[in-house]
Amino acid sequence: MRSFILLLIPSIVLAQAQPTPSSVKPGWRWSMDTVRTVVNAVRAGQSLQPNEWPNGARVAVLLSFDVDNETVALRFGDPNPGSLSQGQYGSREGLGRVLKLLDRYKIPATFFIPSVSLALAPEMASAIKQSGRHEFGVHGWIHEMNTTLPDSAERALLTKAIAELTQMTGMKPTGYRAPSWNMSPNTLGILRDLGFRYESSLMADERPYELLQDGAPTGLVEIPVEWILDDAPLFDPRGNSYSPPRDVARVWMDEFDKALDEGTMFVLTMHPHISGHRSRIIALEQLLAHIESAGKGKVWYATHGQAAEYVRRNSKLGEPRPLSARP
């Protein structure tokens, strides 16, 4: 069976990335020059936190949904019907439940979608577009793990994903989220060359910031994420970190309250095949009710793209700079 599964994995997935210093020897044997090189490859630069959010809002609330569905299994070449059916739940039932809740509050969200996921359930595009409030973002082609790919394969898959998502949604996406937040040493350069305006996979702050590459400004906005604000590890009943949805809702409420107090951003990552379940959508319902009550008109709901462009204008960041244009 194992050999059968491996035959199903495209050779591109089995390709290995170029070695990095960490694959040559352990960090305790590195020189400080090597440490600095590794750390500075992708680094947080200047804060892009605005003095205020639109309409005098105190906090920006950015909801996002990674619409992985079957690609969670497919990326590893897993033909198991059980795993695939668990993913199908996202398009068959979970997404509709999520969209209904967002419509109730009339708030926008960003949907990061692997191209294969949308190709398997193309009706998701019209469902997401129906309200006119939501944004599409790129989430890989088949939810591939970037660190397993050479530059050429990662670049080819991302180029293909952009073209297919643009064709299926009628909108060219401007934002990217790495599948599993798994950025390779090549990812940032590829994003710059392909014209992305913002990225949302890194965790250096709760405020928006500019990404640096090898110490140089890129003009690319980072909308940071965090595992605390992700439903996947917390709602996995087979994992060691499982928490009941109502307990998770309390964590999210506390995160929102501090964001409101500090005047920063609240960025939440969810998945329709996870949070779309009946007992889990309650966590999002409780959170939104709390935001409406505690926020009291001080909340700016936005897509990731809207937030990225707002902080770009207010910080006078300028346009993103392609890696290929570097001297």
C-alpha atoms as a PDB file:
ATOM      1  CA  MET A   1       0.000   0.000   0.000  1.00  0.00           C
ATOM      2  CA  ARG A   2       2.808   2.395   0.866  1.00  0.00           C
ATOM      3  CA  SER A   3       4.402   1.987  -2.577  1.00  0.00           C
ATOM      4  CA  PHE A   4       1.006   2.544  -4.191  1.00  0.00           C
ATOM      5  CA  ILE A   5       0.566   5.831  -2.334  1.00  0.00           C
ATOM      6  CA  LEU A   6       4.031   7.025  -3.269  1.00  0.00           C
ATOM      7  CA  LEU A   7       3.278   6.416  -6.922  1.00  0.00           C
ATOM      8  CA  LEU A   8       0.402   8.847  -6.629  1.00  0.00           C
ATOM      9  CA  ILE A   9       2.598  11.659  -5.370  1.00  0.00           C
ATOM     10  CA  PRO A  10       3.739  13.893  -8.230  1.00  0.00           C
ATOM     11  CA  SER A  11       7.498  13.933  -8.643  1.00  0.00           C
ATOM     12  CA  ILE A  12       7.418  17.679  -8.107  1.00  0.00           C
ATOM     13  CA  VAL A  13       6.315  17.140  -4.487  1.00  0.00           C
ATOM     14  CA  LEU A  14       9.201  14.756  -3.853  1.00  0.00           C
ATOM     15  CA  ALA A  15      11.794  17.250  -5.059  1.00  0.00           C
ATOM     16  CA  GLN A  16      14.027  18.697  -2.373  1.00  0.00           C
ATOM     17  CA  ALA A  17      14.811  22.342  -1.772  1.00  0.00           C
ATOM     18  CA  GLN A  18      18.359  23.626  -1.912  1.00  0.00           C
ATOM     19  CA  PRO A  19      20.292  22.939   1.315  1.00  0.00           C
ATOM     20  CA  THR A  20      20.353  25.709   3.897  1.00  0.00           C
ATOM     21  CA  PRO A  21      22.911  26.136   6.687  1.00  0.00           C
ATOM     22  CA  SER A  22      20.517  24.395   9.082  1.00  0.00           C
ATOM     23  CA  SER A  23      20.602  21.230   6.959  1.00  0.00           C
ATOM     24  CA  VAL A  24      24.409  21.167   6.958  1.00  0.00           C
ATOM     25  CA  LYS A  25      25.077  21.377  10.690  1.00  0.00           C
ATOM     26  CA  PRO A  26      23.170  22.249  13.879  1.00  0.00           C
ATOM     27  CA  GLY A  27      22.770  25.869  14.927  1.00  0.00           C
ATOM     28  CA  TRP A  28      25.074  25.581  17.916  1.00  0.00           C
ATOM     29  CA  ARG A  29      27.923  25.062  15.462  1.00  0.00           C
ATOM     30  CA  TRP A  30      27.105  28.120  13.342  1.00  0.00           C
ATOM     31  CA  SER A  31      29.186  31.268  13.274  1.00  0.00           C
ATOM     32  CA  MET A  32      27.476  34.569  14.088  1.00  0.00           C
ATOM     33  CA  ASP A  33      27.774  35.500  10.415  1.00  0.00           C
ATOM     34  CA  THR A  34      25.730  32.413   9.546  1.00  0.00           C
ATOM     35  CA  VAL A  35      23.213  33.184  12.295  1.00  0.00           C
ATOM     36  CA  ARG A  36      22.731  36.714  10.953  1.00  0.00           C
ATOM     37  CA  THR A  37      22.420  35.481   7.367  1.00  0.00           C
ATOM     38  CA  VAL A  38      19.718  32.989   8.303  1.00  0.00           C
ATOM     39  CA  VAL A  39      17.810  35.400  10.552  1.00  0.00           C
ATOM     40  CA  ASN A  40      17.937  38.288   8.073  1.00  0.00           C
ATOM     41  CA  ALA A  41      16.763  36.262   5.063  1.00  0.00           C
ATOM     42  CA  VAL A  42      13.139  37.181   5.879  1.00  0.00           C
ATOM     43  CA  ARG A  43      12.670  39.666   8.684  1.00  0.00           C
ATOM     44  CA  ALA A  44      10.131  42.146  10.032  1.00  0.00           C
ATOM     45  CA  GLY A  45      10.936  45.705   9.053  1.00  0.00           C
ATOM     46  CA  GLN A  46       9.212  48.964   9.869  1.00  0.00           C
ATOM     47  CA  SER A  47       5.853  48.889  11.602  1.00  0.00           C
ATOM     48  CA  LEU A  48       2.978  49.966   9.370  1.00  0.00           C
ATOM     49  CA  GLN A  49       0.590  50.493  12.281  1.00  0.00           C
ATOM     50  CA  PRO A  50      -1.543  53.574  11.465  1.00  0.00           C
ATOM     51  CA  ASN A  51      -2.411  56.229  14.018  1.00  0.00           C
ATOM     52  CA  GLU A  52      -6.064  55.370  13.490  1.00  0.00           C
ATOM     53  CA  TRP A  53      -8.193  53.050  11.406  1.00  0.00           C
ATOM     54  CA  PRO A  54     -10.860  54.226   8.917  1.00  0.00           C
ATOM     55  CA  ASN A  55     -13.867  56.134  10.243  1.00  0.00           C
ATOM     56  CA  GLY A  56     -12.140  56.648  13.587  1.00  0.00           C
ATOM     57  CA  ALA A  57     -12.212  52.945  14.424  1.00  0.00           C
ATOM     58  CA  ARG A  58     -10.075  51.745  17.282  1.00  0.00           C
ATOM     59  CA  VAL A  59      -9.325  48.240  16.004  1.00  0.00           C
ATOM     60  CA  ALA A  60      -9.173  46.442  12.645  1.00  0.00           C
ATOM     61  CA  VAL A  61     -10.842  43.010  12.565  1.00  0.00           C
ATOM     62  CA  LEU A  62      -9.634  40.798   9.727  1.00  0.00           C
ATOM     63  CA  LEU A  63     -11.324  37.406   9.384  1.00  0.00           C
ATOM     64  CA  SER A  64      -9.821  34.849   7.038  1.00  0.00           C
ATOM     65  CA  PHE A  65     -10.731  31.353   5.906  1.00  0.00           C
ATOM     66  CA  ASP A  66      -8.257  28.920   4.377  1.00  0.00           C
ATOM     67  CA  VAL A  67     -10.444  26.834   2.081  1.00  0.00           C
ATOM     68  CA  ASP A  68      -8.243  23.740   2.000  1.00  0.00           C
ATOM     69  CA  ASN A  69     -10.895  21.003   1.753  1.00  0.00           C
ATOM     70  CA  GLU A  70      -9.543  17.877  -0.010  1.00  0.00           C
ATOM     71  CA  THR A  71      -6.103  19.388  -0.671  1.00  0.00           C
ATOM     72  CA  VAL A  72      -5.043  18.631   2.917  1.00  0.00           C
ATOM     73  CA  ALA A  73      -4.952  14.977   1.865  1.00  0.00           C
ATOM     74  CA  LEU A  74      -4.185  15.413  -1.819  1.00  0.00           C
ATOM     75  CA  ARG A  75      -0.927  17.316  -1.263  1.00  0.00           C
ATOM     76  CA  PHE A  76       0.580  14.132   0.184  1.00  0.00           C
ATOM     77  CA  GLY A  77      -0.960  11.903  -2.467  1.00  0.00           C
ATOM     78  CA  ASP A  78      -3.364  10.367   0.055  1.00  0.00           C
ATOM     79  CA  PRO A  79      -6.178   8.467  -1.756  1.00  0.00           C
ATOM     80  CA  ASN A  80      -7.999   7.589   1.464  1.00  0.00           C
ATOM     81  CA  PRO A  81     -11.761   8.174   0.988  1.00  0.00           C
ATOM     82  CA  GLY A  82     -12.197   9.025   4.675  1.00  0.00           C
ATOM     83  CA  SER A  83      -9.663  11.851   4.574  1.00  0.00           C
ATOM     84  CA  LEU A  84     -11.067  13.145   1.305  1.00  0.00           C
ATOM     85  CA  SER A  85     -14.629  13.103   2.629  1.00  0.00           C
ATOM     86  CA  GLN A  86     -13.555  15.097   5.670  1.00  0.00           C
ATOM     87  CA  GLY A  87     -12.181  17.712   3.287  1.00  0.00           C
ATOM     88  CA  GLN A  88     -15.289  17.679   1.096  1.00  0.00           C
ATOM     89  CA  TYR A  89     -17.320  18.730   4.123  1.00  0.00           C
ATOM     90  CA  GLY A  90     -15.776  22.177   3.710  1.00  0.00           C
ATOM     91  CA  SER A  91     -17.396  22.855   0.348  1.00  0.00           C
ATOM     92  CA  ARG A  92     -20.509  20.720   0.853  1.00  0.00           C
ATOM     93  CA  GLU A  93     -21.606  22.119   4.219  1.00  0.00           C
ATOM     94  CA  GLY A  94     -19.014  24.150   6.133  1.00  0.00           C
ATOM     95  CA  LEU A  95     -18.580  27.050   3.724  1.00  0.00           C
ATOM     96  CA  GLY A  96     -22.316  27.704   3.508  1.00  0.00           C
ATOM     97  CA  ARG A  97     -22.605  27.834   7.288  1.00  0.00           C
ATOM     98  CA  VAL A  98     -19.683  30.284   7.459  1.00  0.00           C
ATOM     99  CA  LEU A  99     -21.076  32.542   4.730  1.00  0.00           C
ATOM    100  CA  LYS A 100     -24.514  32.598   6.365  1.00  0.00           C
ATOM    101  CA  LEU A 101     -22.967  33.829   9.625  1.00  0.00           C
ATOM    102  CA  LEU A 102     -20.896  36.499   7.858  1.00  0.00           C
ATOM    103  CA  ASP A 103     -24.029  37.653   6.011  1.00  0.00           C
ATOM    104  CA  ARG A 104     -25.897  37.951   9.295  1.00  0.00           C
ATOM    105  CA  TYR A 105     -23.354  40.513  10.499  1.00  0.00           C
ATOM    106  CA  LYS A 106     -22.692  41.918   6.992  1.00  0.00           C
ATOM    107  CA  ILE A 107     -18.935  41.717   7.451  1.00  0.00           C
ATOM    108  CA  PRO A 108     -16.177  40.912   4.917  1.00  0.00           C
ATOM    109  CA  ALA A 109     -13.588  38.164   5.014  1.00  0.00           C
ATOM    110  CA  THR A 110     -10.642  36.955   2.962  1.00  0.00           C
ATOM    111  CA  PHE A 111     -10.787  33.443   1.516  1.00  0.00           C
ATOM    112  CA  PHE A 112      -7.349  31.966   0.795  1.00  0.00           C
ATOM    113  CA  ILE A 113      -7.940  29.042  -1.574  1.00  0.00           C
ATOM    114  CA  PRO A 114      -5.677  26.420  -3.164  1.00  0.00           C
ATOM    115  CA  SER A 115      -6.477  26.375  -6.870  1.00  0.00           C
ATOM    116  CA  VAL A 116      -7.196  22.641  -6.831  1.00  0.00           C
ATOM    117  CA  SER A 117      -9.697  23.114  -4.012  1.00  0.00           C
ATOM    118  CA  LEU A 118     -11.720  25.576  -6.069  1.00  0.00           C
ATOM    119  CA  ALA A 119     -11.457  23.464  -9.227  1.00  0.00           C
ATOM    120  CA  LEU A 120     -13.008  20.537  -7.332  1.00  0.00           C
ATOM    121  CA  ALA A 121     -15.921  22.690  -6.142  1.00  0.00           C
ATOM    122  CA  PRO A 122     -16.172  25.673  -8.530  1.00  0.00           C
ATOM    123  CA  GLU A 123     -19.562  26.620  -7.086  1.00  0.00           C
ATOM    124  CA  MET A 124     -17.684  28.007  -4.081  1.00  0.00           C
ATOM    125  CA  ALA A 125     -16.565  31.006  -6.160  1.00  0.00           C
ATOM    126  CA  SER A 126     -20.080  32.279  -6.827  1.00  0.00           C
ATOM    127  CA  ALA A 127     -21.135  31.591  -3.226  1.00  0.00           C
ATOM    128  CA  ILE A 128     -18.245  33.668  -1.889  1.00  0.00           C
ATOM    129  CA  LYS A 129     -18.778  36.433  -4.455  1.00  0.00           C
ATOM    130  CA  GLN A 130     -22.524  36.748  -3.872  1.00  0.00           C
ATOM    131  CA  SER A 131     -22.368  39.352  -1.074  1.00  0.00           C
ATOM    132  CA  GLY A 132     -19.779  41.494  -2.871  1.00  0.00           C
ATOM    133  CA  ARG A 133     -17.848  41.902   0.392  1.00  0.00           C
ATOM    134  CA  HIS A 134     -15.243  39.152   0.316  1.00  0.00           C
ATOM    135  CA  GLU A 135     -11.741  38.782  -1.123  1.00  0.00           C
ATOM    136  CA  PHE A 136      -9.942  35.836  -2.728  1.00  0.00           C
ATOM    137  CA  GLY A 137      -6.306  35.137  -1.874  1.00  0.00           C
ATOM    138  CA  VAL A 138      -3.796  32.545  -3.072  1.00  0.00           C
ATOM    139  CA  HIS A 139      -3.087  29.540  -0.857  1.00  0.00           C
ATOM    140  CA  GLY A 140      -0.929  27.458  -3.164  1.00  0.00           C
ATOM    141  CA  TRP A 141      -1.966  25.159  -5.998  1.00  0.00           C
ATOM    142  CA  ILE A 142      -2.611  21.906  -4.092  1.00  0.00           C
ATOM    143  CA  HIS A 143      -1.672  23.122  -0.585  1.00  0.00           C
ATOM    144  CA  GLU A 144       1.897  22.072  -1.338  1.00  0.00           C
ATOM    145  CA  MET A 145       4.600  22.271   1.319  1.00  0.00           C
ATOM    146  CA  ASN A 146       6.937  24.947  -0.016  1.00  0.00           C
ATOM    147  CA  THR A 147       9.985  23.768   1.905  1.00  0.00           C
ATOM    148  CA  THR A 148       9.922  20.455   0.004  1.00  0.00           C
ATOM    149  CA  LEU A 149      10.155  22.198  -3.372  1.00  0.00           C
ATOM    150  CA  PRO A 150      13.006  23.693  -5.407  1.00  0.00           C
ATOM    151  CA  ASP A 151      12.561  27.302  -6.516  1.00  0.00           C
ATOM    152  CA  SER A 152      11.508  26.310 -10.049  1.00  0.00           C
ATOM    153  CA  ALA A 153       8.702  24.009  -8.864  1.00  0.00           C
ATOM    154  CA  GLU A 154       7.406  26.414  -6.215  1.00  0.00           C
ATOM    155  CA  ARG A 155       7.412  29.253  -8.755  1.00  0.00           C
ATOM    156  CA  ALA A 156       5.633  27.158 -11.396  1.00  0.00           C
ATOM    157  CA  LEU A 157       2.904  26.021  -8.998  1.00  0.00           C
ATOM    158  CA  LEU A 158       2.270  29.533  -7.717  1.00  0.00           C
ATOM    159  CA  THR A 159       2.167  30.974 -11.239  1.00  0.00           C
ATOM    160  CA  LYS A 160      -0.348  28.290 -12.186  1.00  0.00           C
ATOM    161  CA  ALA A 161      -2.441  28.953  -9.069  1.00  0.00           C
ATOM    162  CA  ILE A 162      -2.664  32.693  -9.816  1.00  0.00           C
ATOM    163  CA  ALA A 163      -3.799  32.071 -13.392  1.00  0.00           C
ATOM    164  CA  GLU A 164      -6.390  29.466 -12.419  1.00  0.00           C
ATOM    165  CA  LEU A 165      -7.829  31.443  -9.489  1.00  0.00           C
ATOM    166  CA  THR A 166      -8.078  34.540 -11.680  1.00  0.00           C
ATOM    167  CA  GLN A 167      -9.945  32.556 -14.327  1.00  0.00           C
ATOM    168  CA  MET A 168     -12.300  30.827 -11.865  1.00  0.00           C
ATOM    169  CA  THR A 169     -13.112  33.895  -9.738  1.00  0.00           C
ATOM    170  CA  GLY A 170     -12.849  36.694 -12.298  1.00  0.00           C
ATOM    171  CA  MET A 171     -10.484  38.539  -9.938  1.00  0.00           C
ATOM    172  CA  LYS A 172      -6.684  38.521  -9.844  1.00  0.00           C
ATOM    173  CA  PRO A 173      -5.627  37.976  -6.210  1.00  0.00           C
ATOM    174  CA  THR A 174      -3.167  40.410  -4.636  1.00  0.00           C
ATOM    175  CA  GLY A 175      -2.463  38.519  -1.405  1.00  0.00           C
ATOM    176  CA  TYR A 176      -0.785  35.262  -0.504  1.00  0.00           C
ATOM    177  CA  ARG A 177      -0.835  32.873   2.428  1.00  0.00           C
ATOM    178  CA  ALA A 178       1.569  29.947   2.375  1.00  0.00           C
ATOM    179  CA  PRO A 179      -0.092  26.549   2.841  1.00  0.00           C
ATOM    180  CA  SER A 180       0.391  25.625   6.509  1.00  0.00           C
ATOM    181  CA  TRP A 181       2.244  28.980   6.785  1.00  0.00           C
ATOM    182  CA  ASN A 182       5.142  26.956   5.348  1.00  0.00           C
ATOM    183  CA  MET A 183       7.393  29.503   3.608  1.00  0.00           C
ATOM    184  CA  SER A 184      10.586  28.270   1.966  1.00  0.00           C
ATOM    185  CA  PRO A 185      13.818  30.274   1.606  1.00  0.00           C
ATOM    186  CA  ASN A 186      12.616  31.058  -1.941  1.00  0.00           C
ATOM    187  CA  THR A 187       9.004  32.051  -1.248  1.00  0.00           C
ATOM    188  CA  LEU A 188       9.445  35.765  -0.584  1.00  0.00           C
ATOM    189  CA  GLY A 189      11.479  36.323  -3.737  1.00  0.00           C
ATOM    190  CA  ILE A 190       8.873  34.475  -5.797  1.00  0.00           C
ATOM    191  CA  LEU A 191       6.043  36.545  -4.299  1.00  0.00           C
ATOM    192  CA  ARG A 192       7.881  39.741  -5.169  1.00  0.00           C
ATOM    193  CA  ASP A 193       8.541  38.668  -8.758  1.00  0.00           C
ATOM    194  CA  LEU A 194       4.910  37.603  -9.263  1.00  0.00           C
ATOM    195  CA  GLY A 195       3.557  40.982  -8.150  1.00  0.00           C
ATOM    196  CA  PHE A 196       1.884  40.257  -4.814  1.00  0.00           C
ATOM    197  CA  ARG A 197       1.077  43.270  -2.658  1.00  0.00           C
ATOM    198  CA  TYR A 198       0.774  41.583   0.722  1.00  0.00           C
ATOM    199  CA  GLU A 199       1.627  38.344   2.492  1.00  0.00           C
ATOM    200  CA  SER A 200      -0.006  36.664   5.518  1.00  0.00           C
ATOM    201  CA  SER A 201       2.009  33.730   6.900  1.00  0.00           C
ATOM    202  CA  LEU A 202       4.475  35.169   9.419  1.00  0.00           C
ATOM    203  CA  MET A 203       4.316  35.960  13.108  1.00  0.00           C
ATOM    204  CA  ALA A 204       6.721  38.740  14.125  1.00  0.00           C
ATOM    205  CA  ASP A 205       4.055  41.147  15.425  1.00  0.00           C
ATOM    206  CA  GLU A 206       0.322  41.705  15.847  1.00  0.00           C
ATOM    207  CA  ARG A 207       0.627  44.947  13.892  1.00  0.00           C
ATOM    208  CA  PRO A 208       1.126  45.131  10.118  1.00  0.00           C
ATOM    209  CA  TYR A 209       4.732  45.541   9.035  1.00  0.00           C
ATOM    210  CA  GLU A 210       6.952  45.708   5.984  1.00  0.00           C
ATOM    211  CA  LEU A 211       8.912  42.609   5.054  1.00  0.00           C
ATOM    212  CA  LEU A 212      12.673  42.812   4.702  1.00  0.00           C
ATOM    213  CA  GLN A 213      14.659  40.389   2.563  1.00  0.00           C
ATOM    214  CA  ASP A 214      18.357  40.028   3.317  1.00  0.00           C
ATOM    215  CA  GLY A 215      18.064  43.264   5.256  1.00  0.00           C
ATOM    216  CA  ALA A 216      16.574  45.259   2.373  1.00  0.00           C
ATOM    217  CA  PRO A 217      13.009  46.694   2.265  1.00  0.00           C
ATOM    218  CA  THR A 218      10.632  44.906  -0.110  1.00  0.00           C
ATOM    219  CA  GLY A 219       7.563  47.160  -0.104  1.00  0.00           C
ATOM    220  CA  LEU A 220       5.503  44.049   0.698  1.00  0.00           C
ATOM    221  CA  VAL A 221       2.978  44.349   3.538  1.00  0.00           C
ATOM    222  CA  GLU A 222       2.817  41.546   6.093  1.00  0.00           C
ATOM    223  CA  ILE A 223      -0.546  40.845   7.742  1.00  0.00           C
ATOM    224  CA  PRO A 224       0.747  38.648  10.583  1.00  0.00           C
ATOM    225  CA  VAL A 225      -0.881  35.471  11.859  1.00  0.00           C
ATOM    226  CA  GLU A 226      -0.508  33.331  14.998  1.00  0.00           C
ATOM    227  CA  TRP A 227      -1.318  29.751  16.002  1.00  0.00           C
ATOM    228  CA  ILE A 228      -3.282  31.106  18.979  1.00  0.00           C
ATOM    229  CA  LEU A 229      -5.652  32.612  16.404  1.00  0.00           C
ATOM    230  CA  ASP A 230      -5.998  29.544  14.188  1.00  0.00           C
ATOM    231  CA  ASP A 231      -8.740  26.953  14.576  1.00  0.00           C
ATOM    232  CA  ALA A 232      -6.809  23.997  13.092  1.00  0.00           C
ATOM    233  CA  PRO A 233      -4.568  22.953  16.021  1.00  0.00           C
ATOM    234  CA  LEU A 234      -7.113  23.877  18.696  1.00  0.00           C
ATOM    235  CA  PHE A 235     -10.071  22.027  17.184  1.00  0.00           C
ATOM    236  CA  ASP A 236      -8.287  18.788  16.224  1.00  0.00           C
ATOM    237  CA  PRO A 237      -9.966  16.134  18.441  1.00  0.00           C
ATOM    238  CA  ARG A 238      -7.077  13.737  17.769  1.00  0.00           C
ATOM    239  CA  GLY A 239      -4.390  16.246  18.693  1.00  0.00           C
ATOM    240  CA  ASN A 240      -2.672  16.975  21.984  1.00  0.00           C
ATOM    241  CA  SER A 241      -3.771  20.617  21.950  1.00  0.00           C
ATOM    242  CA  TYR A 242      -7.520  20.091  21.513  1.00  0.00           C
ATOM    243  CA  SER A 243      -9.747  22.634  23.255  1.00  0.00           C
ATOM    244  CA  PRO A 244     -13.571  22.768  23.353  1.00  0.00           C
ATOM    245  CA  PRO A 245     -14.902  25.467  20.997  1.00  0.00           C
ATOM    246  CA  ARG A 246     -16.401  27.557  23.805  1.00  0.00           C
ATOM    247  CA  ASP A 247     -12.997  27.657  25.519  1.00  0.00           C
ATOM    248  CA  VAL A 248     -11.363  28.696  22.242  1.00  0.00           C
ATOM    249  CA  ALA A 249     -13.965  31.450  21.835  1.00  0.00           C
ATOM    250  CA  ARG A 250     -12.877  32.875  25.192  1.00  0.00           C
ATOM    251  CA  VAL A 251      -9.244  32.986  24.027  1.00  0.00           C
ATOM    252  CA  TRP A 252     -10.298  34.789  20.840  1.00  0.00           C
ATOM    253  CA  MET A 253     -12.386  37.264  22.828  1.00  0.00           C
ATOM    254  CA  ASP A 254      -9.412  38.045  25.072  1.00  0.00           C
ATOM    255  CA  GLU A 255      -7.212  38.551  22.017  1.00  0.00           C
ATOM    256  CA  PHE A 256      -9.789  40.930  20.557  1.00  0.00           C
ATOM    257  CA  ASP A 257     -10.115  42.867  23.820  1.00  0.00           C
ATOM    258  CA  LYS A 258      -6.357  43.481  23.941  1.00  0.00           C
ATOM    259  CA  ALA A 259      -6.287  44.472  20.265  1.00  0.00           C
ATOM    260  CA  LEU A 260      -9.083  46.948  20.983  1.00  0.00           C
ATOM    261  CA  ASP A 261      -7.213  48.299  23.983  1.00  0.00           C
ATOM    262  CA  GLU A 262      -3.980  48.685  21.994  1.00  0.00           C
ATOM    263  CA  GLY A 263      -5.624  49.992  18.824  1.00  0.00           C
ATOM    264  CA  THR A 264      -4.059  47.335  16.608  1.00  0.00           C
ATOM    265  CA  MET A 265      -5.348  44.390  14.545  1.00  0.00           C
ATOM    266  CA  PHE A 266      -7.260  41.206  15.294  1.00  0.00           C
ATOM    267  CA  VAL A 267      -6.465  38.632  12.578  1.00  0.00           C
ATOM    268  CA  LEU A 268      -8.245  35.278  12.789  1.00  0.00           C
ATOM    269  CA  THR A 269      -7.533  32.215  10.621  1.00  0.00           C
ATOM    270  CA  MET A 270     -10.236  29.555  10.200  1.00  0.00           C
ATOM    271  CA  HIS A 271     -11.097  26.700   7.830  1.00  0.00           C
ATOM    272  CA  PRO A 272     -14.607  25.872   6.552  1.00  0.00           C
ATOM    273  CA  HIS A 273     -13.959  22.120   6.915  1.00  0.00           C
ATOM    274  CA  ILE A 274     -13.073  22.736  10.574  1.00  0.00           C
ATOM    275  CA  SER A 275     -14.963  25.736  11.943  1.00  0.00           C
ATOM    276  CA  GLY A 276     -17.913  25.010   9.672  1.00  0.00           C
ATOM    277  CA  HIS A 277     -19.026  22.133  11.893  1.00  0.00           C
ATOM    278  CA  ARG A 278     -22.105  22.675  14.066  1.00  0.00           C
ATOM    279  CA  SER A 279     -20.412  22.606  17.457  1.00  0.00           C
ATOM    280  CA  ARG A 280     -17.502  24.740  16.246  1.00  0.00           C
ATOM    281  CA  ILE A 281     -19.301  27.540  14.434  1.00  0.00           C
ATOM    282  CA  ILE A 282     -20.519  28.457  17.917  1.00  0.00           C
ATOM    283  CA  ALA A 283     -17.029  29.769  18.727  1.00  0.00           C
ATOM    284  CA  LEU A 284     -17.227  32.230  15.837  1.00  0.00           C
ATOM    285  CA  GLU A 285     -20.813  33.134  16.707  1.00  0.00           C
ATOM    286  CA  GLN A 286     -19.809  33.950  20.278  1.00  0.00           C
ATOM    287  CA  LEU A 287     -16.781  35.922  19.119  1.00  0.00           C
ATOM    288  CA  LEU A 288     -18.771  38.084  16.692  1.00  0.00           C
ATOM    289  CA  ALA A 289     -21.434  38.766  19.299  1.00  0.00           C
ATOM    290  CA  HIS A 290     -18.701  39.821  21.729  1.00  0.00           C
ATOM    291  CA  ILE A 291     -17.050  42.085  19.133  1.00  0.00           C
ATOM    292  CA  GLU A 292     -20.373  43.787  18.446  1.00  0.00           C
ATOM    293  CA  SER A 293     -20.933  44.336  22.162  1.00  0.00           C
ATOM    294  CA  ALA A 294     -17.408  45.268  23.288  1.00  0.00           C
ATOM    295  CA  GLY A 295     -16.465  47.131  20.112  1.00  0.00           C
ATOM    296  CA  LYS A 296     -19.474  49.454  20.210  1.00  0.00           C
ATOM    297  CA  GLY A 297     -18.814  51.097  16.845  1.00  0.00           C
ATOM    298  CA  LYS A 298     -15.033  51.178  17.258  1.00  0.00           C
ATOM    299  CA  VAL A 299     -14.387  48.280  14.880  1.00  0.00           C
ATOM    300  CA  TRP A 300     -13.300  48.399  11.248  1.00  0.00           C
ATOM    301  CA  TYR A 301     -14.064  45.079   9.536  1.00  0.00           C
ATOM    302  CA  ALA A 302     -11.896  44.642   6.457  1.00  0.00           C
ATOM    303  CA  THR A 303     -10.434  42.124   4.070  1.00  0.00           C
ATOM    304  CA  HIS A 304      -6.709  41.540   4.312  1.00  0.00           C
ATOM    305  CA  GLY A 305      -6.270  43.355   1.006  1.00  0.00           C
ATOM    306  CA  GLN A 306      -8.185  46.416   2.200  1.00  0.00           C
ATOM    307  CA  ALA A 307      -6.099  46.571   5.372  1.00  0.00           C
ATOM    308  CA  ALA A 308      -2.849  46.147   3.450  1.00  0.00           C
ATOM    309  CA  GLU A 309      -3.674  48.983   1.069  1.00  0.00           C
ATOM    310  CA  TYR A 310      -4.826  51.238   3.906  1.00  0.00           C
ATOM    311  CA  VAL A 311      -1.583  50.872   5.859  1.00  0.00           C
ATOM    312  CA  ARG A 312       0.414  51.230   2.646  1.00  0.00           C
ATOM    313  CA  ARG A 313      -1.195  54.600   1.915  1.00  0.00           C
ATOM    314  CA  ASN A 314      -0.964  55.859   5.480  1.00  0.00           C
ATOM    315  CA  SER A 315       2.700  54.923   5.860  1.00  0.00           C
ATOM    316  CA  LYS A 316       3.601  56.118   2.349  1.00  0.00           C
ATOM    317  CA  LEU A 317       5.227  52.738   1.822  1.00  0.00           C
ATOM    318  CA  GLY A 318       5.173  52.898  -1.948  1.00  0.00           C
ATOM    319  CA  GLU A 319       4.857  50.002  -4.352  1.00  0.00           C
ATOM    320  CA  PRO A 320       6.290  46.500  -3.817  1.00  0.00           C
ATOM    321  CA  ARG A 321       9.726  45.999  -5.357  1.00  0.00           C
ATOM    322  CA  PRO A 322      10.353  42.853  -7.426  1.00  0.00           C
ATOM    323  CA  LEU A 323      13.352  40.811  -6.360  1.00  0.00           C
ATOM    324  CA  SER A 324      14.533  40.707  -9.985  1.00  0.00           C
ATOM    325  CA  ALA A 325      14.778  44.535  -9.953  1.00  0.00           C
ATOM    326  CA  ARG A 326      17.303  44.516  -7.137  1.00  0.00           C
ATOM    327  CA  PRO A 327      20.737  45.935  -8.113  1.00  0.00           C
END
